[in-house]
Amino acid sequence: MTISMPPANQGRGRVIVSEANKPDLRVVANEETPELDEPAKKAAPRKGPKWESDARDRLRTFIRRFNKPLSGLADRDANEGDTRLLVTDFLCDGLGFDKYEDLTTDYQVKGEFADYGIRIDKDLIAFIEVKRIATKLGAKHLRQVQAYALNEGVEWVLLTNGARWQAYHVTAAMPVKIDLALDVDLLGDETLNQKINQLFYLTRESLKRRQIDELWKVKRATSPQSLTATILSDAVVDAIRKELRRTTGHKIEADEISALLKETIIRPECFDK
């Protein structure tokens, strides 16, 4: 312990008492009121609601446990039936659906059958199409389950081969609009947290709160098609025309600028089909 005293000729002042093993705790005495001077405590980081942390913890636990049997399926090129067994486990133990209340297997739609229909509080919210684990998910699989969704007025469809999970929003319009909202591969190189952050939107808790709708709106707003439409808008093309004239001195018509953007800058797949 050390005691610091001011020189006698400086009158009454502050006495600071400190202990070597407590460098951040000081007792300050003066002619008025003694006070305890402690460093401010850092505020604890804010956490989300308990239901969300519980859902994420459940996902984390199951993905870790799920990885080995999933890798085993891939190694032996398991058939679609075996893949569906594992998908059922993931839907229930990982995503939190009740096998009897929330899931309907072989959901009949006009004489055909979707692999799963998902209900929450008795409302049909999504269809799931399952393919064998070695199958590369593609447009033909999406068209199949998309038709089920349109016939039943359902907005969400999921494609999976057990390892890869894709969620699409279906907008009943002319033409029909299909937007990919999320795409995650459980056997891919992403970190565990990255996989959880995406798959969280497919949990029962999150789907019940329609959080995936907000994810889809953001994805749609920043999609290549949306950005292309913005670039080719009259306002943006006119701004480009003015800037080109300012920087080059050449007058270029708006129609010519639009044509150049389409032919030389914007890739064909960025246009609405």
Protein backbone atom coordinates (compact mmCIF):
# COMPACT_ATOMS: atom_id res chain seq x y z
CA MET A 1 0.00 0.00 0.00
CA THR A 2 1.25 3.46 -0.82
CA ILE A 3 0.10 6.80 0.59
CA SER A 4 0.69 10.00 -1.34
CA MET A 5 0.70 13.24 0.70
CA PRO A 6 1.02 16.75 -0.70
CA PRO A 7 3.92 18.93 0.54
CA ALA A 8 3.14 20.65 3.80
CA ASN A 9 3.38 24.13 2.32
CA GLN A 10 0.56 23.40 -0.12
CA GLY A 11 -2.13 23.30 2.54
CA ARG A 12 -4.88 20.77 2.83
CA GLY A 13 -5.39 18.65 -0.23
CA ARG A 14 -6.25 15.19 -1.57
CA VAL A 15 -4.89 12.01 -0.04
CA ILE A 16 -4.89 9.06 -2.44
CA VAL A 17 -4.63 5.59 -0.96
CA SER A 18 -4.09 2.69 -3.36
CA GLU A 19 -3.13 -0.96 -3.15
CA ALA A 20 -0.70 -2.48 -5.59
CA ASN A 21 -2.95 -5.40 -6.24
CA LYS A 22 -5.96 -3.16 -6.90
CA PRO A 23 -4.74 -0.62 -9.43
CA ASP A 24 -8.21 0.34 -10.59
CA LEU A 25 -9.76 0.95 -7.18
CA ARG A 26 -8.96 4.24 -5.44
CA VAL A 27 -10.21 5.74 -2.21
CA VAL A 28 -10.12 9.51 -2.42
CA ALA A 29 -10.41 11.57 0.76
CA ASN A 30 -10.68 15.35 0.81
CA GLU A 31 -11.97 17.99 3.10
CA GLU A 32 -15.55 17.30 2.11
CA THR A 33 -16.97 13.79 1.59
CA PRO A 34 -14.90 10.61 1.02
CA GLU A 35 -15.80 8.86 -2.23
CA LEU A 36 -15.14 5.52 -3.87
CA ASP A 37 -13.74 5.96 -7.35
CA GLU A 38 -14.27 2.83 -9.50
CA PRO A 39 -13.96 2.38 -13.28
CA ALA A 40 -17.28 2.32 -15.12
CA LYS A 41 -18.54 -1.16 -15.87
CA LYS A 42 -19.08 -2.08 -19.49
CA ALA A 43 -22.68 -2.68 -20.46
CA ALA A 44 -23.50 -6.29 -21.23
CA PRO A 45 -24.07 -6.96 -24.93
CA ARG A 46 -27.72 -6.90 -25.92
CA LYS A 47 -29.25 -10.26 -26.65
CA GLY A 48 -32.22 -11.21 -28.78
CA PRO A 49 -35.42 -12.68 -27.38
CA LYS A 50 -35.19 -16.00 -25.60
CA TRP A 51 -37.18 -17.87 -28.25
CA GLU A 52 -34.61 -16.82 -30.85
CA SER A 53 -31.57 -17.84 -28.82
CA ASP A 54 -33.27 -21.16 -28.00
CA ALA A 55 -33.95 -21.80 -31.70
CA ARG A 56 -30.37 -20.97 -32.65
CA ASP A 57 -28.96 -23.17 -29.88
CA ARG A 58 -31.15 -26.06 -31.02
CA LEU A 59 -29.95 -25.60 -34.60
CA ARG A 60 -26.33 -25.46 -33.51
CA THR A 61 -26.62 -28.67 -31.52
CA PHE A 62 -28.43 -30.56 -34.25
CA ILE A 63 -26.20 -29.45 -37.14
CA ARG A 64 -23.18 -30.72 -35.24
CA ARG A 65 -24.92 -34.04 -34.59
CA PHE A 66 -26.38 -34.14 -38.11
CA ASN A 67 -23.07 -33.74 -39.92
CA LYS A 68 -21.82 -37.31 -39.50
CA PRO A 69 -24.94 -39.18 -40.70
CA LEU A 70 -25.34 -36.62 -43.49
CA SER A 71 -21.78 -37.22 -44.66
CA GLY A 72 -22.48 -40.96 -44.47
CA LEU A 73 -25.47 -40.59 -46.78
CA ALA A 74 -23.35 -38.66 -49.26
CA ASP A 75 -20.54 -41.21 -49.13
CA ARG A 76 -22.84 -44.11 -49.98
CA ASP A 77 -25.02 -42.13 -52.42
CA ALA A 78 -28.19 -42.92 -50.44
CA ASN A 79 -31.52 -43.11 -52.23
CA GLU A 80 -34.35 -40.60 -51.91
CA GLY A 81 -36.17 -42.63 -49.25
CA ASP A 82 -33.16 -42.61 -46.92
CA THR A 83 -32.63 -38.93 -47.60
CA ARG A 84 -36.23 -38.22 -46.61
CA LEU A 85 -35.73 -39.98 -43.28
CA LEU A 86 -32.85 -37.67 -42.47
CA VAL A 87 -34.79 -34.63 -43.71
CA THR A 88 -37.64 -35.51 -41.35
CA ASP A 89 -35.20 -35.61 -38.44
CA PHE A 90 -33.81 -32.22 -39.45
CA LEU A 91 -37.26 -30.66 -39.78
CA CYS A 92 -38.27 -31.87 -36.32
CA ASP A 93 -35.11 -31.88 -34.22
CA GLY A 94 -33.28 -29.05 -35.98
CA LEU A 95 -35.98 -26.68 -37.21
CA GLY A 96 -38.47 -27.37 -34.44
CA PHE A 97 -41.53 -28.68 -36.30
CA ASP A 98 -43.91 -31.14 -34.70
CA LYS A 99 -44.00 -34.31 -36.76
CA TYR A 100 -47.73 -34.82 -36.21
CA GLU A 101 -49.09 -31.27 -35.97
CA ASP A 102 -46.96 -29.37 -38.49
CA LEU A 103 -45.88 -31.82 -41.20
CA THR A 104 -47.89 -33.68 -43.82
CA THR A 105 -45.99 -36.14 -45.98
CA ASP A 106 -47.12 -36.85 -49.55
CA TYR A 107 -49.39 -33.81 -49.54
CA GLN A 108 -51.86 -34.29 -52.41
CA VAL A 109 -52.26 -31.47 -54.89
CA LYS A 110 -54.57 -32.16 -57.84
CA GLY A 111 -53.60 -35.80 -58.22
CA GLU A 112 -49.90 -35.25 -57.53
CA PHE A 113 -47.99 -35.34 -54.29
CA ALA A 114 -45.61 -32.90 -52.66
CA ASP A 115 -43.07 -34.58 -50.38
CA TYR A 116 -44.06 -32.38 -47.43
CA GLY A 117 -46.56 -29.72 -46.63
CA ILE A 118 -45.74 -27.47 -43.66
CA ARG A 119 -48.51 -26.07 -41.49
CA ILE A 120 -48.19 -23.64 -38.60
CA ASP A 121 -51.29 -23.16 -36.47
CA LYS A 122 -53.19 -25.12 -39.16
CA ASP A 123 -52.20 -22.67 -41.93
CA LEU A 124 -50.37 -24.21 -44.90
CA ILE A 125 -47.27 -22.06 -45.40
CA ALA A 126 -44.81 -24.06 -47.52
CA PHE A 127 -44.13 -27.14 -49.61
CA ILE A 128 -40.91 -29.13 -49.54
CA GLU A 129 -39.50 -31.17 -52.41
CA VAL A 130 -36.84 -33.71 -51.42
CA LYS A 131 -34.32 -35.28 -53.80
CA ARG A 132 -31.67 -37.90 -53.16
CA ILE A 133 -28.53 -36.51 -51.63
CA ALA A 134 -26.43 -36.82 -54.80
CA THR A 135 -28.96 -34.86 -56.88
CA LYS A 136 -27.93 -31.40 -58.01
CA LEU A 137 -30.95 -29.21 -57.35
CA GLY A 138 -32.14 -27.47 -60.49
CA ALA A 139 -34.89 -25.61 -62.30
CA LYS A 140 -36.90 -28.75 -63.16
CA HIS A 141 -37.25 -29.60 -59.46
CA LEU A 142 -38.32 -26.04 -58.72
CA ARG A 143 -40.97 -26.08 -61.46
CA GLN A 144 -42.45 -29.23 -59.97
CA VAL A 145 -42.98 -27.82 -56.46
CA GLN A 146 -43.78 -24.35 -57.81
CA ALA A 147 -46.89 -25.78 -59.45
CA TYR A 148 -48.04 -27.19 -56.10
CA ALA A 149 -47.62 -23.78 -54.47
CA LEU A 150 -49.57 -21.94 -57.16
CA ASN A 151 -52.45 -24.44 -56.99
CA GLU A 152 -52.70 -24.13 -53.20
CA GLY A 153 -52.00 -20.39 -52.90
CA VAL A 154 -48.76 -20.99 -50.95
CA GLU A 155 -45.94 -18.43 -51.15
CA TRP A 156 -42.95 -20.50 -50.04
CA VAL A 157 -41.32 -23.63 -51.44
CA LEU A 158 -38.21 -25.44 -50.22
CA LEU A 159 -35.89 -27.65 -52.24
CA THR A 160 -33.47 -29.96 -50.48
CA ASN A 161 -31.31 -32.98 -51.01
CA GLY A 162 -30.66 -33.21 -47.29
CA ALA A 163 -27.38 -31.30 -47.50
CA ARG A 164 -28.41 -28.28 -49.54
CA TRP A 165 -31.46 -26.21 -48.57
CA GLN A 166 -33.00 -23.59 -50.81
CA ALA A 167 -36.02 -21.40 -50.05
CA TYR A 168 -37.94 -19.69 -52.86
CA HIS A 169 -40.74 -17.15 -52.73
CA VAL A 170 -43.49 -17.68 -55.31
CA THR A 171 -45.47 -14.66 -56.47
CA ALA A 172 -48.63 -15.51 -58.38
CA ALA A 173 -48.44 -13.01 -61.25
CA MET A 174 -48.26 -12.98 -65.01
CA PRO A 175 -45.62 -14.19 -65.45
CA VAL A 176 -45.04 -16.03 -62.18
CA LYS A 177 -42.12 -14.57 -60.20
CA ILE A 178 -39.74 -16.90 -58.34
CA ASP A 179 -37.15 -15.38 -56.00
CA LEU A 180 -34.40 -17.28 -54.20
CA ALA A 181 -34.38 -16.09 -50.57
CA LEU A 182 -31.71 -18.37 -49.12
CA ASP A 183 -29.35 -21.14 -50.17
CA VAL A 184 -27.20 -23.04 -47.69
CA ASP A 185 -25.14 -26.22 -47.98
CA LEU A 186 -24.69 -28.09 -44.70
CA LEU A 187 -21.66 -29.87 -46.16
CA GLY A 188 -20.27 -26.67 -47.67
CA ASP A 189 -17.38 -24.46 -46.57
CA GLU A 190 -19.41 -21.83 -44.72
CA THR A 191 -18.85 -21.53 -40.98
CA LEU A 192 -21.32 -23.04 -38.56
CA ASN A 193 -22.57 -19.58 -37.59
CA GLN A 194 -23.13 -18.64 -41.23
CA LYS A 195 -25.20 -21.78 -41.75
CA ILE A 196 -27.21 -21.10 -38.59
CA ASN A 197 -27.86 -17.49 -39.59
CA GLN A 198 -29.48 -18.66 -42.82
CA LEU A 199 -31.30 -21.76 -41.61
CA PHE A 200 -32.73 -19.82 -38.67
CA TYR A 201 -35.30 -18.35 -41.08
CA LEU A 202 -36.62 -21.87 -41.71
CA THR A 203 -37.20 -22.66 -38.04
CA ARG A 204 -40.77 -22.95 -36.88
CA GLU A 205 -40.32 -20.01 -34.54
CA SER A 206 -39.09 -17.69 -37.29
CA LEU A 207 -41.57 -18.86 -39.94
CA LYS A 208 -44.41 -18.30 -37.50
CA ARG A 209 -43.32 -14.65 -37.25
CA ARG A 210 -42.91 -14.36 -41.05
CA GLN A 211 -39.33 -13.12 -40.68
CA ILE A 212 -38.42 -14.81 -43.93
CA ASP A 213 -40.75 -12.36 -45.71
CA GLU A 214 -38.45 -9.48 -44.71
CA LEU A 215 -35.41 -11.46 -45.87
CA TRP A 216 -37.08 -12.01 -49.23
CA LYS A 217 -37.94 -8.31 -49.62
CA VAL A 218 -34.31 -7.35 -49.10
CA LYS A 219 -33.12 -10.01 -51.54
CA ARG A 220 -35.67 -8.92 -54.12
CA ALA A 221 -34.74 -5.24 -53.77
CA THR A 222 -31.05 -5.98 -54.36
CA SER A 223 -31.43 -8.75 -56.94
CA PRO A 224 -29.63 -8.44 -60.30
CA GLN A 225 -33.00 -7.94 -62.00
CA SER A 226 -33.98 -5.12 -59.64
CA LEU A 227 -30.60 -3.40 -59.99
CA THR A 228 -30.77 -3.75 -63.77
CA ALA A 229 -34.20 -2.10 -63.87
CA THR A 230 -32.83 0.76 -61.77
CA ILE A 231 -29.78 1.25 -63.99
CA LEU A 232 -31.97 1.37 -67.11
CA SER A 233 -34.52 3.74 -65.59
CA ASP A 234 -35.04 7.10 -67.28
CA ALA A 235 -33.59 8.99 -64.33
CA VAL A 236 -30.33 7.02 -64.21
CA VAL A 237 -29.84 6.97 -67.98
CA ASP A 238 -30.42 10.72 -68.11
CA ALA A 239 -27.87 11.25 -65.33
CA ILE A 240 -25.34 9.17 -67.29
CA ARG A 241 -26.07 11.19 -70.43
CA LYS A 242 -25.41 14.47 -68.63
CA GLU A 243 -22.24 13.20 -66.97
CA LEU A 244 -20.87 11.91 -70.28
CA ARG A 245 -21.52 15.26 -71.90
CA ARG A 246 -19.80 17.06 -68.99
CA THR A 247 -16.72 14.85 -68.99
CA THR A 248 -16.32 14.20 -72.74
CA GLY A 249 -18.07 17.09 -74.40
CA HIS A 250 -20.05 14.68 -76.59
CA LYS A 251 -23.83 14.64 -76.79
CA ILE A 252 -25.15 11.08 -76.65
CA GLU A 253 -28.85 10.24 -76.85
CA ALA A 254 -30.52 8.34 -74.01
CA ASP A 255 -31.63 5.50 -76.30
CA GLU A 256 -28.04 4.93 -77.39
CA ILE A 257 -26.86 4.82 -73.78
CA SER A 258 -29.56 2.27 -72.88
CA ALA A 259 -28.57 0.09 -75.83
CA LEU A 260 -24.88 0.21 -74.87
CA LEU A 261 -25.65 -0.72 -71.27
CA LYS A 262 -27.70 -3.72 -72.42
CA GLU A 263 -25.17 -4.89 -75.01
CA THR A 264 -21.85 -4.27 -73.29
CA ILE A 265 -22.32 -3.78 -69.53
CA ILE A 266 -25.26 -5.78 -68.19
CA ARG A 267 -25.13 -9.57 -68.41
CA PRO A 268 -28.11 -11.29 -70.11
CA GLU A 269 -29.10 -13.26 -66.99
CA CYS A 270 -29.69 -9.97 -65.13
CA PHE A 271 -32.81 -9.22 -67.17
CA ASP A 272 -36.28 -10.37 -66.11
CA LYS A 273 -37.24 -13.45 -68.07
